[in-house]
Protein backbone atom coordinates (compact mmCIF):
# COMPACT_ATOMS: atom_id res chain seq x y z
CA MET A 1 70.12 15.30 18.56
CA LEU A 2 67.95 12.92 20.59
CA VAL A 3 65.82 11.71 17.69
CA SER A 4 66.06 8.02 16.86
CA PHE A 5 64.22 4.91 15.77
CA LEU A 6 63.73 1.78 17.83
CA GLU A 7 64.40 -0.79 15.15
CA THR A 8 65.55 -4.23 14.21
CA PHE A 9 68.92 -4.42 12.48
CA VAL A 10 71.06 -7.00 10.77
CA HIS A 11 74.78 -7.63 10.50
CA PRO A 12 76.45 -5.73 7.62
CA LYS A 13 77.58 -9.05 6.10
CA ALA A 14 73.96 -10.07 5.63
CA LYS A 15 72.94 -9.82 1.99
CA ALA A 16 69.77 -7.92 2.78
CA ALA A 17 67.68 -5.35 1.02
CA SER A 18 67.63 -1.87 2.55
CA VAL A 19 64.38 -0.41 3.84
CA LYS A 20 63.52 2.76 1.97
CA HIS A 21 60.06 3.53 3.33
CA PRO A 22 60.18 5.14 6.79
CA LEU A 23 56.93 3.71 8.13
CA VAL A 24 57.58 0.06 7.34
CA THR A 25 57.16 -1.95 10.56
CA ALA A 26 59.37 -4.75 11.80
CA MET A 27 56.75 -7.19 10.52
CA LEU A 28 58.55 -6.84 7.20
CA LEU A 29 61.93 -7.88 8.60
CA PHE A 30 62.55 -11.17 6.83
CA LEU A 31 60.32 -10.29 3.87
CA LEU A 32 62.52 -7.31 3.12
CA LEU A 33 65.72 -9.22 3.74
CA GLY A 34 64.93 -11.20 0.62
CA PRO A 35 65.62 -14.71 -0.72
CA SER A 36 69.27 -14.74 0.34
CA VAL A 37 68.25 -14.64 4.01
CA GLN A 38 65.59 -17.30 3.57
CA ALA A 39 68.18 -19.57 1.92
CA THR A 40 70.71 -19.10 4.74
CA GLN A 41 70.57 -20.06 8.41
CA TYR A 42 70.87 -16.87 10.43
CA ARG A 43 71.20 -16.49 14.18
CA ILE A 44 68.96 -14.01 15.99
CA VAL A 45 70.21 -12.39 19.19
CA THR A 46 68.56 -10.02 21.63
CA GLU A 47 68.93 -8.85 25.23
CA ASP A 48 66.62 -9.02 28.24
CA TRP A 49 64.70 -5.74 27.82
CA GLY A 50 61.09 -5.96 28.94
CA PRO A 51 58.45 -5.57 27.75
CA TYR A 52 59.94 -5.83 24.24
CA ASN A 53 62.09 -8.94 24.70
CA TYR A 54 62.45 -10.89 27.92
CA VAL A 55 62.48 -14.41 29.36
CA GLU A 56 59.40 -15.70 31.18
CA ASP A 57 59.12 -19.26 32.51
CA GLY A 58 62.26 -20.12 30.58
CA GLN A 59 60.84 -18.89 27.27
CA LEU A 60 61.85 -15.85 25.22
CA THR A 61 58.81 -13.60 24.79
CA GLY A 62 57.80 -9.92 24.54
CA LEU A 63 56.32 -7.51 22.02
CA ALA A 64 59.30 -7.44 19.65
CA THR A 65 59.87 -11.18 20.02
CA HIS A 66 56.29 -11.92 18.98
CA ILE A 67 56.77 -9.74 15.89
CA VAL A 68 59.97 -11.54 14.87
CA ARG A 69 58.42 -14.97 15.43
CA ARG A 70 55.37 -13.98 13.40
CA ILE A 71 57.62 -12.94 10.54
CA MET A 72 59.44 -16.28 10.61
CA ALA A 73 56.09 -18.08 10.59
CA LEU A 74 55.10 -16.13 7.49
CA THR A 75 58.38 -16.83 5.69
CA GLY A 76 58.80 -20.44 6.82
CA ASP A 77 62.07 -19.74 8.64
CA ASP A 78 63.08 -21.15 12.01
CA PHE A 79 66.24 -19.28 12.99
CA GLU A 80 67.83 -19.84 16.37
CA MET A 81 66.91 -17.08 18.85
CA MET A 82 68.95 -16.43 21.97
CA VAL A 83 69.12 -13.90 24.80
CA LEU A 84 72.56 -12.51 25.61
CA PRO A 85 73.79 -9.73 27.91
CA SER A 86 73.56 -6.39 26.11
CA MET A 87 77.27 -6.00 25.36
CA ARG A 88 77.67 -9.63 24.25
CA ALA A 89 74.72 -9.30 21.88
CA ALA A 90 76.20 -6.15 20.38
CA HIS A 91 79.62 -7.81 20.10
CA ALA A 92 78.10 -10.81 18.30
CA LEU A 93 76.40 -8.49 15.84
CA GLN A 94 79.61 -6.60 15.17
CA THR A 95 81.92 -9.59 14.80
CA GLN A 96 79.90 -12.55 13.56
CA GLY A 97 78.34 -12.91 10.15
CA LYS A 98 74.77 -14.08 9.54
CA THR A 99 73.59 -12.40 12.74
CA ILE A 100 70.38 -10.46 13.29
CA MET A 101 69.72 -8.42 16.44
CA TYR A 102 66.52 -6.86 17.73
CA ALA A 103 65.30 -4.46 19.17
CA VAL A 104 67.67 -1.53 19.49
CA PHE A 105 67.80 2.25 19.30
CA ARG A 106 69.00 3.60 15.99
CA THR A 107 71.49 6.43 16.50
CA PRO A 108 73.73 8.46 14.16
CA GLY A 109 76.86 6.61 15.28
CA ARG A 110 75.37 3.20 14.51
CA GLU A 111 73.74 4.19 11.24
CA PRO A 112 76.55 3.09 8.88
CA MET A 113 77.42 -0.05 10.84
CA TYR A 114 74.41 -2.22 10.01
CA LYS A 115 71.56 -2.82 7.61
CA TRP A 116 68.39 -1.55 9.31
CA VAL A 117 64.79 -2.76 9.21
CA GLY A 118 61.90 -1.25 11.17
CA PRO A 119 60.84 0.66 13.16
CA ILE A 120 59.07 -1.47 15.77
CA VAL A 121 57.52 1.03 18.18
CA GLU A 122 57.49 4.70 19.13
CA THR A 123 58.74 5.25 22.65
CA ALA A 124 60.77 7.54 24.92
CA ILE A 125 63.06 7.39 27.93
CA HIS A 126 62.58 9.67 30.95
CA PRO A 127 64.27 9.79 34.36
CA TYR A 128 62.21 8.51 37.32
CA GLN A 129 62.34 9.22 41.03
CA LEU A 130 60.21 8.26 44.04
CA ALA A 131 56.87 10.07 44.08
CA SER A 132 57.41 10.71 47.79
CA THR A 133 60.60 12.69 47.23
CA GLN A 134 60.99 16.02 48.99
CA ASN A 135 63.08 17.32 46.08
CA PRO A 136 61.19 16.83 42.81
CA ILE A 137 63.36 17.35 39.73
CA ASN A 138 61.85 19.31 36.85
CA THR A 139 64.71 20.75 34.81
CA LEU A 140 67.88 19.49 33.15
CA GLU A 141 69.92 21.82 35.35
CA GLN A 142 68.46 20.18 38.47
CA LEU A 143 69.09 16.74 37.01
CA LEU A 144 72.76 17.57 36.40
CA THR A 145 73.23 18.34 40.10
CA ALA A 146 70.97 15.62 41.56
CA PRO A 147 72.58 13.48 44.31
CA ARG A 148 72.96 10.11 42.58
CA ILE A 149 71.54 8.89 39.27
CA ALA A 150 71.58 5.14 38.69
CA THR A 151 71.91 3.87 35.14
CA ARG A 152 73.27 0.75 33.48
CA ARG A 153 77.01 0.27 33.46
CA ALA A 154 77.19 0.29 29.65
CA GLY A 155 75.08 1.16 26.64
CA LEU A 156 73.53 4.10 24.84
CA ILE A 157 72.02 5.94 27.83
CA PRO A 158 75.08 6.08 30.14
CA THR A 159 77.27 7.01 27.19
CA MET A 160 74.89 9.80 26.22
CA LEU A 161 74.57 11.13 29.77
CA GLN A 162 78.33 11.22 30.20
CA SER A 163 78.71 13.12 26.93
CA TRP A 164 76.29 15.74 28.29
CA GLY A 165 78.51 16.31 31.30
CA PHE A 166 76.76 14.25 33.99
CA LYS A 167 79.18 13.62 36.88
CA ASN A 168 76.63 12.09 39.26
CA LEU A 169 76.12 8.71 37.61
CA ASP A 170 76.19 5.38 39.43
CA LYS A 171 76.82 2.81 36.70
CA SER A 172 77.03 -0.27 38.90
CA ALA A 173 73.77 -1.83 37.64
CA SER A 174 74.16 -4.58 35.06
CA ASN A 175 70.42 -4.83 34.36
CA SER A 176 67.19 -2.89 34.72
CA VAL A 177 65.92 -4.73 37.81
CA GLN A 178 68.94 -3.54 39.78
CA LEU A 179 68.05 0.07 38.99
CA TYR A 180 64.64 -0.22 40.65
CA ARG A 181 66.05 -2.03 43.66
CA MET A 182 68.64 0.71 44.11
CA LEU A 183 65.95 3.39 43.91
CA MET A 184 63.57 1.65 46.34
CA ALA A 185 66.43 0.97 48.79
CA GLY A 186 67.54 4.60 48.79
CA ARG A 187 70.86 3.86 47.10
CA ALA A 188 69.94 6.18 44.22
CA SER A 189 67.68 9.21 44.02
CA ILE A 190 66.92 8.87 40.30
CA ILE A 191 67.06 6.10 37.71
CA ILE A 192 67.45 6.43 33.94
CA GLY A 193 67.46 3.47 31.61
CA ASP A 194 64.05 2.17 30.57
CA THR A 195 61.32 3.38 28.28
CA ASP A 196 58.08 4.42 29.94
CA ALA A 197 56.62 1.02 29.02
CA GLY A 198 59.68 -0.62 30.54
CA VAL A 199 59.18 1.27 33.80
CA ALA A 200 55.58 0.05 33.99
CA TYR A 201 56.70 -3.50 33.19
CA HIS A 202 59.46 -3.67 35.81
CA SER A 203 57.33 -1.91 38.44
CA ALA A 204 54.68 -4.60 38.05
CA GLU A 205 57.35 -7.31 38.03
CA LEU A 206 58.82 -6.09 41.33
CA GLY A 207 55.53 -5.24 43.03
CA ILE A 208 56.11 -1.49 42.97
CA ALA A 209 52.82 0.42 43.16
CA PRO A 210 51.94 2.35 39.97
CA ASP A 211 51.89 5.65 41.89
CA ALA A 212 55.18 5.01 43.74
CA LEU A 213 57.37 6.42 40.96
CA ARG A 214 57.33 9.88 39.45
CA GLN A 215 58.25 10.53 35.83
CA ILE A 216 60.61 13.49 35.64
CA PRO A 217 59.43 15.73 32.76
CA ILE A 218 62.73 15.62 30.88
CA GLU A 219 62.88 13.55 27.71
CA ILE A 220 66.29 11.90 27.56
CA PHE A 221 65.69 9.98 24.35
CA ARG A 222 62.88 9.50 21.83
CA ALA A 223 62.37 6.84 19.18
CA PRO A 224 59.54 8.07 16.94
CA PHE A 225 57.72 6.57 13.99
CA THR A 226 58.88 9.18 11.52
CA SER A 227 60.72 9.52 8.23
CA PRO A 228 64.53 9.58 7.89
CA SER A 229 64.24 13.07 6.42
CA ALA A 230 62.75 14.25 9.72
CA VAL A 231 65.55 12.87 11.84
CA THR A 232 69.21 13.64 12.31
CA ALA A 233 70.95 10.60 10.76
CA THR A 234 69.47 7.91 13.01
CA THR A 235 70.48 4.43 14.83
CA SER A 236 69.96 1.82 18.38
CA TRP A 237 70.84 0.36 22.47
């Protein structure tokens, strides 16, 4: 149920070729979209989600951003790229033609909504708590009854956690940085929202020591490099 791809996807109105091979990377994004994309001016949207896509010194950068820019360099395209809040980016993708969004989790519910290209990277999301905690969490049952879990106010992860019966969610955070500040200030006992790479990125960004946080050994979500036949109808956050 938790299996998914982290992939780039395009608006259903885009006249793009479907990706059939499961191990094709996002480097093939515009190449696989075909001549119709190269002849049309598309808009590319993303959200602030380090280390994959984020703004630094006023410039959009990150692992996934570099991949998309490299593809445009290879194809001779120069599409507008913009960072939007998560829900606005998703809304633009759903309602506006000639829109491409990266990088998002591919889930069963989103599968029929878009044309997909990818995947970009294999990654997973785990809960995190302070390493100094007197009550280390190790099981899903413990997680369900933990004092307060901070997560983003909207998106794949809070929706998934609620569907599993979590009643202890604090969804007041509008971005990842707020999650870490809540945890360090004692306003939450656990945070769930970023990939393991994202936790390392934001910890460094906020000056949190590498050994200050403890990964709880419960995999909330995984985005593997694997074939569609090995997953349960997949799609993205």
